[in-house]
């Protein structure tokens, strides 16, 4: 007999929705796709799941997520990346839809990473690993 179908949470949407509502990121577009006309100089955070695994014995999803933080200049991009880092750590214990975030661990803190596809871009990259309990 088959058990109930496991439904994995959309971690990209979870993070994008959470960061969009944060006051320290006011004026920053947060999504998993670039906005129209994006050239890397706007205040934007792009959220992408880049790996991770399901831990069956713990009933946890452990997504690895990259956040690309862009700004009109390096200082603004850096300040926004620090705001993203701080906000992400407050995700612990929150519920989004049918998922609860039980842990957030920085895998790689904000680091400068030029975007060679967008020469005018100013970008910092942060990687986090979350632990989620799905419904």
C-alpha atoms as a PDB file:
ATOM      1  CA  UNK A   1       0.000   0.000   0.000  1.00  0.00           C
ATOM      2  CA  UNK A   2       1.411   3.379  -1.005  1.00  0.00           C
ATOM      3  CA  UNK A   3       1.759   6.163   1.550  1.00  0.00           C
ATOM      4  CA  UNK A   4       0.678   9.738   1.114  1.00  0.00           C
ATOM      5  CA  UNK A   5       2.379  11.625  -1.695  1.00  0.00           C
ATOM      6  CA  UNK A   6       5.173  13.839  -0.374  1.00  0.00           C
ATOM      7  CA  UNK A   7       4.897  17.450  -1.502  1.00  0.00           C
ATOM      8  CA  UNK A   8       8.156  19.399  -1.449  1.00  0.00           C
ATOM      9  CA  UNK A   9       8.010  23.092  -0.580  1.00  0.00           C
ATOM     10  CA  UNK A  10       9.078  25.675  -3.159  1.00  0.00           C
ATOM     11  CA  UNK A  11      12.095  27.059  -1.321  1.00  0.00           C
ATOM     12  CA  UNK A  12      12.744  29.746  -3.953  1.00  0.00           C
ATOM     13  CA  UNK A  13       9.235  31.178  -3.489  1.00  0.00           C
ATOM     14  CA  UNK A  14       9.466  30.775   0.298  1.00  0.00           C
ATOM     15  CA  UNK A  15      12.644  32.889   0.444  1.00  0.00           C
ATOM     16  CA  UNK A  16      11.518  35.429  -2.164  1.00  0.00           C
ATOM     17  CA  UNK A  17       8.199  36.035  -0.398  1.00  0.00           C
ATOM     18  CA  UNK A  18       9.893  36.298   2.993  1.00  0.00           C
ATOM     19  CA  UNK A  19      12.597  38.744   1.868  1.00  0.00           C
ATOM     20  CA  UNK A  20      10.116  40.884  -0.072  1.00  0.00           C
ATOM     21  CA  UNK A  21       8.358  41.735   3.190  1.00  0.00           C
ATOM     22  CA  UNK A  22      11.523  42.670   5.117  1.00  0.00           C
ATOM     23  CA  UNK A  23      11.846  46.411   5.940  1.00  0.00           C
ATOM     24  CA  UNK A  24      15.660  46.351   5.599  1.00  0.00           C
ATOM     25  CA  UNK A  25      15.194  45.347   1.951  1.00  0.00           C
ATOM     26  CA  UNK A  26      12.671  48.041   1.089  1.00  0.00           C
ATOM     27  CA  UNK A  27      13.099  49.048  -2.552  1.00  0.00           C
ATOM     28  CA  UNK A  28      14.791  45.757  -3.478  1.00  0.00           C
ATOM     29  CA  UNK A  29      13.138  43.400  -5.987  1.00  0.00           C
ATOM     30  CA  UNK A  30      13.357  39.785  -4.808  1.00  0.00           C
ATOM     31  CA  UNK A  31      12.395  36.933  -7.141  1.00  0.00           C
ATOM     32  CA  UNK A  32      13.673  33.773  -8.773  1.00  0.00           C
ATOM     33  CA  UNK A  33      13.777  35.408 -12.223  1.00  0.00           C
ATOM     34  CA  UNK A  34      15.303  38.755 -13.239  1.00  0.00           C
ATOM     35  CA  UNK A  35      12.861  41.623 -13.796  1.00  0.00           C
ATOM     36  CA  UNK A  36      12.252  42.926 -17.307  1.00  0.00           C
ATOM     37  CA  UNK A  37      15.129  45.051 -18.580  1.00  0.00           C
ATOM     38  CA  UNK A  38      17.514  43.756 -15.910  1.00  0.00           C
ATOM     39  CA  UNK A  39      21.150  44.728 -16.569  1.00  0.00           C
ATOM     40  CA  UNK A  40      22.639  44.063 -13.130  1.00  0.00           C
ATOM     41  CA  UNK A  41      22.588  47.669 -11.913  1.00  0.00           C
ATOM     42  CA  UNK A  42      19.179  47.526 -10.232  1.00  0.00           C
ATOM     43  CA  UNK A  43      18.668  46.570  -6.574  1.00  0.00           C
ATOM     44  CA  UNK A  44      17.669  42.950  -7.114  1.00  0.00           C
ATOM     45  CA  UNK A  45      18.031  39.652  -5.257  1.00  0.00           C
ATOM     46  CA  UNK A  46      17.775  36.518  -7.399  1.00  0.00           C
ATOM     47  CA  UNK A  47      16.971  33.321  -5.486  1.00  0.00           C
ATOM     48  CA  UNK A  48      17.939  29.920  -6.960  1.00  0.00           C
ATOM     49  CA  UNK A  49      17.903  26.434  -5.511  1.00  0.00           C
ATOM     50  CA  UNK A  50      21.214  24.925  -6.625  1.00  0.00           C
ATOM     51  CA  UNK A  51      21.161  21.582  -4.845  1.00  0.00           C
ATOM     52  CA  UNK A  52      20.511  19.861  -1.592  1.00  0.00           C
ATOM     53  CA  UNK A  53      18.869  16.576  -0.715  1.00  0.00           C
ATOM     54  CA  UNK A  54      15.906  14.942   0.966  1.00  0.00           C
ATOM     55  CA  UNK A  55      16.789  13.235   4.263  1.00  0.00           C
ATOM     56  CA  UNK A  56      14.149  10.543   4.516  1.00  0.00           C
ATOM     57  CA  UNK A  57      14.954   9.292   8.005  1.00  0.00           C
ATOM     58  CA  UNK A  58      14.612  12.843   9.365  1.00  0.00           C
ATOM     59  CA  UNK A  59      11.736  13.822   7.038  1.00  0.00           C
ATOM     60  CA  UNK A  60      13.649  16.980   6.090  1.00  0.00           C
ATOM     61  CA  UNK A  61      14.392  18.729   2.834  1.00  0.00           C
ATOM     62  CA  UNK A  62      17.858  20.336   2.870  1.00  0.00           C
ATOM     63  CA  UNK A  63      17.900  22.728  -0.094  1.00  0.00           C
ATOM     64  CA  UNK A  64      21.091  24.573  -0.986  1.00  0.00           C
ATOM     65  CA  UNK A  65      20.131  28.062  -2.162  1.00  0.00           C
ATOM     66  CA  UNK A  66      22.152  30.829  -3.823  1.00  0.00           C
ATOM     67  CA  UNK A  67      21.174  34.457  -3.521  1.00  0.00           C
ATOM     68  CA  UNK A  68      22.650  36.857  -6.076  1.00  0.00           C
ATOM     69  CA  UNK A  69      22.437  40.392  -4.724  1.00  0.00           C
ATOM     70  CA  UNK A  70      22.782  43.192  -7.271  1.00  0.00           C
ATOM     71  CA  UNK A  71      22.994  46.946  -6.879  1.00  0.00           C
ATOM     72  CA  UNK A  72      23.762  50.150  -8.786  1.00  0.00           C
ATOM     73  CA  UNK A  73      27.228  50.219  -7.174  1.00  0.00           C
ATOM     74  CA  UNK A  74      29.378  47.883  -5.128  1.00  0.00           C
ATOM     75  CA  UNK A  75      28.581  49.581  -1.805  1.00  0.00           C
ATOM     76  CA  UNK A  76      24.819  49.292  -2.294  1.00  0.00           C
ATOM     77  CA  UNK A  77      25.068  45.664  -3.418  1.00  0.00           C
ATOM     78  CA  UNK A  78      27.205  44.894  -0.368  1.00  0.00           C
ATOM     79  CA  UNK A  79      24.831  46.637   2.052  1.00  0.00           C
ATOM     80  CA  UNK A  80      21.852  44.792   0.551  1.00  0.00           C
ATOM     81  CA  UNK A  81      23.729  41.475   0.767  1.00  0.00           C
ATOM     82  CA  UNK A  82      24.311  42.074   4.480  1.00  0.00           C
ATOM     83  CA  UNK A  83      20.594  42.762   4.898  1.00  0.00           C
ATOM     84  CA  UNK A  84      19.796  39.517   3.072  1.00  0.00           C
ATOM     85  CA  UNK A  85      22.170  37.545   5.316  1.00  0.00           C
ATOM     86  CA  UNK A  86      20.628  38.949   8.504  1.00  0.00           C
ATOM     87  CA  UNK A  87      17.063  38.425   7.279  1.00  0.00           C
ATOM     88  CA  UNK A  88      17.722  34.837   6.238  1.00  0.00           C
ATOM     89  CA  UNK A  89      18.811  33.903   9.747  1.00  0.00           C
ATOM     90  CA  UNK A  90      15.418  35.045  11.059  1.00  0.00           C
ATOM     91  CA  UNK A  91      13.703  32.418   8.886  1.00  0.00           C
ATOM     92  CA  UNK A  92      14.291  29.777  11.579  1.00  0.00           C
ATOM     93  CA  UNK A  93      11.001  28.654  13.063  1.00  0.00           C
ATOM     94  CA  UNK A  94       8.803  30.321  10.422  1.00  0.00           C
ATOM     95  CA  UNK A  95       6.127  28.553   8.409  1.00  0.00           C
ATOM     96  CA  UNK A  96       5.397  29.327   4.783  1.00  0.00           C
ATOM     97  CA  UNK A  97       2.491  27.501   3.215  1.00  0.00           C
ATOM     98  CA  UNK A  98       2.935  23.905   4.297  1.00  0.00           C
ATOM     99  CA  UNK A  99       6.656  24.105   5.140  1.00  0.00           C
ATOM    100  CA  UNK A 100       8.377  24.995   8.386  1.00  0.00           C
ATOM    101  CA  UNK A 101      11.979  26.219   8.347  1.00  0.00           C
ATOM    102  CA  UNK A 102      13.790  24.381  11.128  1.00  0.00           C
ATOM    103  CA  UNK A 103      17.311  25.627  10.385  1.00  0.00           C
ATOM    104  CA  UNK A 104      19.303  28.062   8.251  1.00  0.00           C
ATOM    105  CA  UNK A 105      23.059  27.660   7.858  1.00  0.00           C
ATOM    106  CA  UNK A 106      25.355  29.874   5.823  1.00  0.00           C
ATOM    107  CA  UNK A 107      27.372  27.692   3.489  1.00  0.00           C
ATOM    108  CA  UNK A 108      29.209  30.657   1.933  1.00  0.00           C
ATOM    109  CA  UNK A 109      28.811  34.204   3.218  1.00  0.00           C
ATOM    110  CA  UNK A 110      28.459  37.206   0.938  1.00  0.00           C
ATOM    111  CA  UNK A 111      31.307  37.317  -1.555  1.00  0.00           C
ATOM    112  CA  UNK A 112      32.002  39.640  -4.442  1.00  0.00           C
ATOM    113  CA  UNK A 113      31.407  37.851  -7.748  1.00  0.00           C
ATOM    114  CA  UNK A 114      31.523  39.866 -10.969  1.00  0.00           C
ATOM    115  CA  UNK A 115      28.800  38.988 -13.470  1.00  0.00           C
ATOM    116  CA  UNK A 116      30.594  38.552 -16.782  1.00  0.00           C
ATOM    117  CA  UNK A 117      27.298  38.439 -18.692  1.00  0.00           C
ATOM    118  CA  UNK A 118      26.375  41.896 -17.406  1.00  0.00           C
ATOM    119  CA  UNK A 119      29.487  44.117 -17.496  1.00  0.00           C
ATOM    120  CA  UNK A 120      27.927  47.001 -15.524  1.00  0.00           C
ATOM    121  CA  UNK A 121      26.670  44.693 -12.750  1.00  0.00           C
ATOM    122  CA  UNK A 122      27.679  44.807  -9.099  1.00  0.00           C
ATOM    123  CA  UNK A 123      26.982  41.414  -7.514  1.00  0.00           C
ATOM    124  CA  UNK A 124      27.499  39.604  -4.234  1.00  0.00           C
ATOM    125  CA  UNK A 125      26.671  35.921  -3.827  1.00  0.00           C
ATOM    126  CA  UNK A 126      25.514  34.211  -0.632  1.00  0.00           C
ATOM    127  CA  UNK A 127      24.805  30.485  -0.304  1.00  0.00           C
ATOM    128  CA  UNK A 128      22.645  29.024   2.449  1.00  0.00           C
ATOM    129  CA  UNK A 129      21.395  25.581   3.370  1.00  0.00           C
ATOM    130  CA  UNK A 130      17.935  25.323   4.880  1.00  0.00           C
ATOM    131  CA  UNK A 131      16.207  22.502   6.682  1.00  0.00           C
ATOM    132  CA  UNK A 132      12.503  22.310   5.864  1.00  0.00           C
ATOM    133  CA  UNK A 133       9.790  20.038   7.153  1.00  0.00           C
ATOM    134  CA  UNK A 134       7.240  19.686   4.368  1.00  0.00           C
ATOM    135  CA  UNK A 135       3.606  18.721   4.834  1.00  0.00           C
END
